[in-house]
Amino acid sequence: MPYVITEPCIGVKDASCVDVCPVDCIHTADEAEMYYIDPDSCIDCSACVNVCPVDAIYSTYDMPAGQERFEEVNAAFFRDRP
């Protein structure tokens, strides 16, 4: 049950989540509009959830309606990187 960063992160890129992640699975790129969680590296610890200032991080089982596509958005960021 990896965690997923959803739409509220777009344009914010706060990075509080990066600072608390024990496995360094949250990344972005200069040109990206948000942060992303690598589903293959996430250990489901939920450390990132409470520090997110815009409540953008959810487990794949608890995503709000309308945010489901962000599971693929997060995975694609890591799959499509060189």
C-alpha atoms as a PDB file:
ATOM      1  CA  MET A   1       0.000   0.000   0.000  1.00  0.00           C
ATOM      2  CA  PRO A   2       2.360   2.767  -1.126  1.00  0.00           C
ATOM      3  CA  TYR A   3       1.497   6.371  -0.544  1.00  0.00           C
ATOM      4  CA  VAL A   4       0.649   8.748  -3.369  1.00  0.00           C
ATOM      5  CA  ILE A   5       1.026  12.499  -3.707  1.00  0.00           C
ATOM      6  CA  THR A   6      -2.122  14.010  -5.188  1.00  0.00           C
ATOM      7  CA  GLU A   7      -3.345  17.216  -6.824  1.00  0.00           C
ATOM      8  CA  PRO A   8      -3.053  19.631  -3.861  1.00  0.00           C
ATOM      9  CA  CYS A   9       0.749  19.410  -4.204  1.00  0.00           C
ATOM     10  CA  ILE A  10       0.689  20.905  -7.692  1.00  0.00           C
ATOM     11  CA  GLY A  11       2.394  24.276  -7.584  1.00  0.00           C
ATOM     12  CA  VAL A  12       3.318  23.979  -3.895  1.00  0.00           C
ATOM     13  CA  LYS A  13       6.401  21.726  -3.815  1.00  0.00           C
ATOM     14  CA  ASP A  14       6.955  22.310  -0.084  1.00  0.00           C
ATOM     15  CA  ALA A  15       9.443  19.414   0.460  1.00  0.00           C
ATOM     16  CA  SER A  16       8.523  18.776   4.100  1.00  0.00           C
ATOM     17  CA  CYS A  17       7.714  15.231   3.024  1.00  0.00           C
ATOM     18  CA  VAL A  18      11.183  14.752   1.562  1.00  0.00           C
ATOM     19  CA  ASP A  19      12.828  15.711   4.839  1.00  0.00           C
ATOM     20  CA  VAL A  20      11.022  13.004   6.842  1.00  0.00           C
ATOM     21  CA  CYS A  21      11.110  10.113   4.370  1.00  0.00           C
ATOM     22  CA  PRO A  22      13.375   7.406   5.809  1.00  0.00           C
ATOM     23  CA  VAL A  23      13.959   5.705   2.443  1.00  0.00           C
ATOM     24  CA  ASP A  24      14.354   8.741   0.167  1.00  0.00           C
ATOM     25  CA  CYS A  25      11.490   7.732  -2.130  1.00  0.00           C
ATOM     26  CA  ILE A  26      10.023  11.220  -2.706  1.00  0.00           C
ATOM     27  CA  HIS A  27      11.472  13.158  -5.621  1.00  0.00           C
ATOM     28  CA  THR A  28      10.795  15.864  -8.154  1.00  0.00           C
ATOM     29  CA  ALA A  29      12.529  17.559 -11.069  1.00  0.00           C
ATOM     30  CA  ASP A  30      13.058  21.256 -11.684  1.00  0.00           C
ATOM     31  CA  GLU A  31      10.494  21.218 -14.471  1.00  0.00           C
ATOM     32  CA  ALA A  32       7.950  19.119 -12.541  1.00  0.00           C
ATOM     33  CA  GLU A  33       4.962  20.799 -10.940  1.00  0.00           C
ATOM     34  CA  MET A  34       4.865  18.599  -7.829  1.00  0.00           C
ATOM     35  CA  TYR A  35       6.636  15.906  -5.813  1.00  0.00           C
ATOM     36  CA  TYR A  36       6.158  12.198  -6.478  1.00  0.00           C
ATOM     37  CA  ILE A  37       6.455   9.025  -4.400  1.00  0.00           C
ATOM     38  CA  ASP A  38       8.202   6.019  -5.921  1.00  0.00           C
ATOM     39  CA  PRO A  39       5.767   3.114  -5.388  1.00  0.00           C
ATOM     40  CA  ASP A  40       8.600   0.589  -5.615  1.00  0.00           C
ATOM     41  CA  SER A  41      10.604   2.250  -2.826  1.00  0.00           C
ATOM     42  CA  CYS A  42       7.854   3.439  -0.476  1.00  0.00           C
ATOM     43  CA  ILE A  43       7.784   1.361   2.730  1.00  0.00           C
ATOM     44  CA  ASP A  44       4.320   2.560   3.772  1.00  0.00           C
ATOM     45  CA  CYS A  45       5.579   4.211   6.946  1.00  0.00           C
ATOM     46  CA  SER A  46       3.246   7.235   6.594  1.00  0.00           C
ATOM     47  CA  ALA A  47       5.883   9.642   7.948  1.00  0.00           C
ATOM     48  CA  CYS A  48       5.150  12.021   5.073  1.00  0.00           C
ATOM     49  CA  VAL A  49       1.394  12.225   5.624  1.00  0.00           C
ATOM     50  CA  ASN A  50       1.264  14.419   8.718  1.00  0.00           C
ATOM     51  CA  VAL A  51       3.926  16.886   7.577  1.00  0.00           C
ATOM     52  CA  CYS A  52       2.286  17.714   4.252  1.00  0.00           C
ATOM     53  CA  PRO A  53       1.007  21.298   4.571  1.00  0.00           C
ATOM     54  CA  VAL A  54      -1.648  20.822   1.882  1.00  0.00           C
ATOM     55  CA  ASP A  55      -2.907  17.322   2.806  1.00  0.00           C
ATOM     56  CA  ALA A  56      -1.870  15.895  -0.550  1.00  0.00           C
ATOM     57  CA  ILE A  57      -0.545  12.471   0.541  1.00  0.00           C
ATOM     58  CA  TYR A  58      -2.777   9.411   0.795  1.00  0.00           C
ATOM     59  CA  SER A  59      -2.408   5.660   0.825  1.00  0.00           C
ATOM     60  CA  THR A  60      -3.586   3.989  -2.327  1.00  0.00           C
ATOM     61  CA  TYR A  61      -6.526   2.638  -0.319  1.00  0.00           C
ATOM     62  CA  ASP A  62      -7.649   5.995   1.092  1.00  0.00           C
ATOM     63  CA  MET A  63      -7.399   8.384  -1.853  1.00  0.00           C
ATOM     64  CA  PRO A  64     -10.218  10.898  -2.137  1.00  0.00           C
ATOM     65  CA  ALA A  65     -12.597  10.520  -5.045  1.00  0.00           C
ATOM     66  CA  GLY A  66     -11.225  12.135  -8.162  1.00  0.00           C
ATOM     67  CA  GLN A  67      -7.589  11.696  -7.144  1.00  0.00           C
ATOM     68  CA  GLU A  68      -7.146   8.079  -8.242  1.00  0.00           C
ATOM     69  CA  ARG A  69      -5.240   9.004 -11.403  1.00  0.00           C
ATOM     70  CA  PHE A  70      -2.370  10.263  -9.262  1.00  0.00           C
ATOM     71  CA  GLU A  71      -1.390   6.686  -8.461  1.00  0.00           C
ATOM     72  CA  GLU A  72      -0.334   6.362 -12.109  1.00  0.00           C
ATOM     73  CA  VAL A  73       1.037   9.928 -12.228  1.00  0.00           C
ATOM     74  CA  ASN A  74       3.432   9.132  -9.374  1.00  0.00           C
ATOM     75  CA  ALA A  75       4.495   5.767 -10.849  1.00  0.00           C
ATOM     76  CA  ALA A  76       4.987   7.254 -14.323  1.00  0.00           C
ATOM     77  CA  PHE A  77       7.364   9.917 -13.001  1.00  0.00           C
ATOM     78  CA  PHE A  78       9.817   7.184 -11.967  1.00  0.00           C
ATOM     79  CA  ARG A  79       9.162   4.838 -14.855  1.00  0.00           C
ATOM     80  CA  ASP A  80       9.715   7.529 -17.482  1.00  0.00           C
ATOM     81  CA  ARG A  81      12.912   8.992 -16.033  1.00  0.00           C
ATOM     82  CA  PRO A  82      16.243   8.304 -17.718  1.00  0.00           C
END
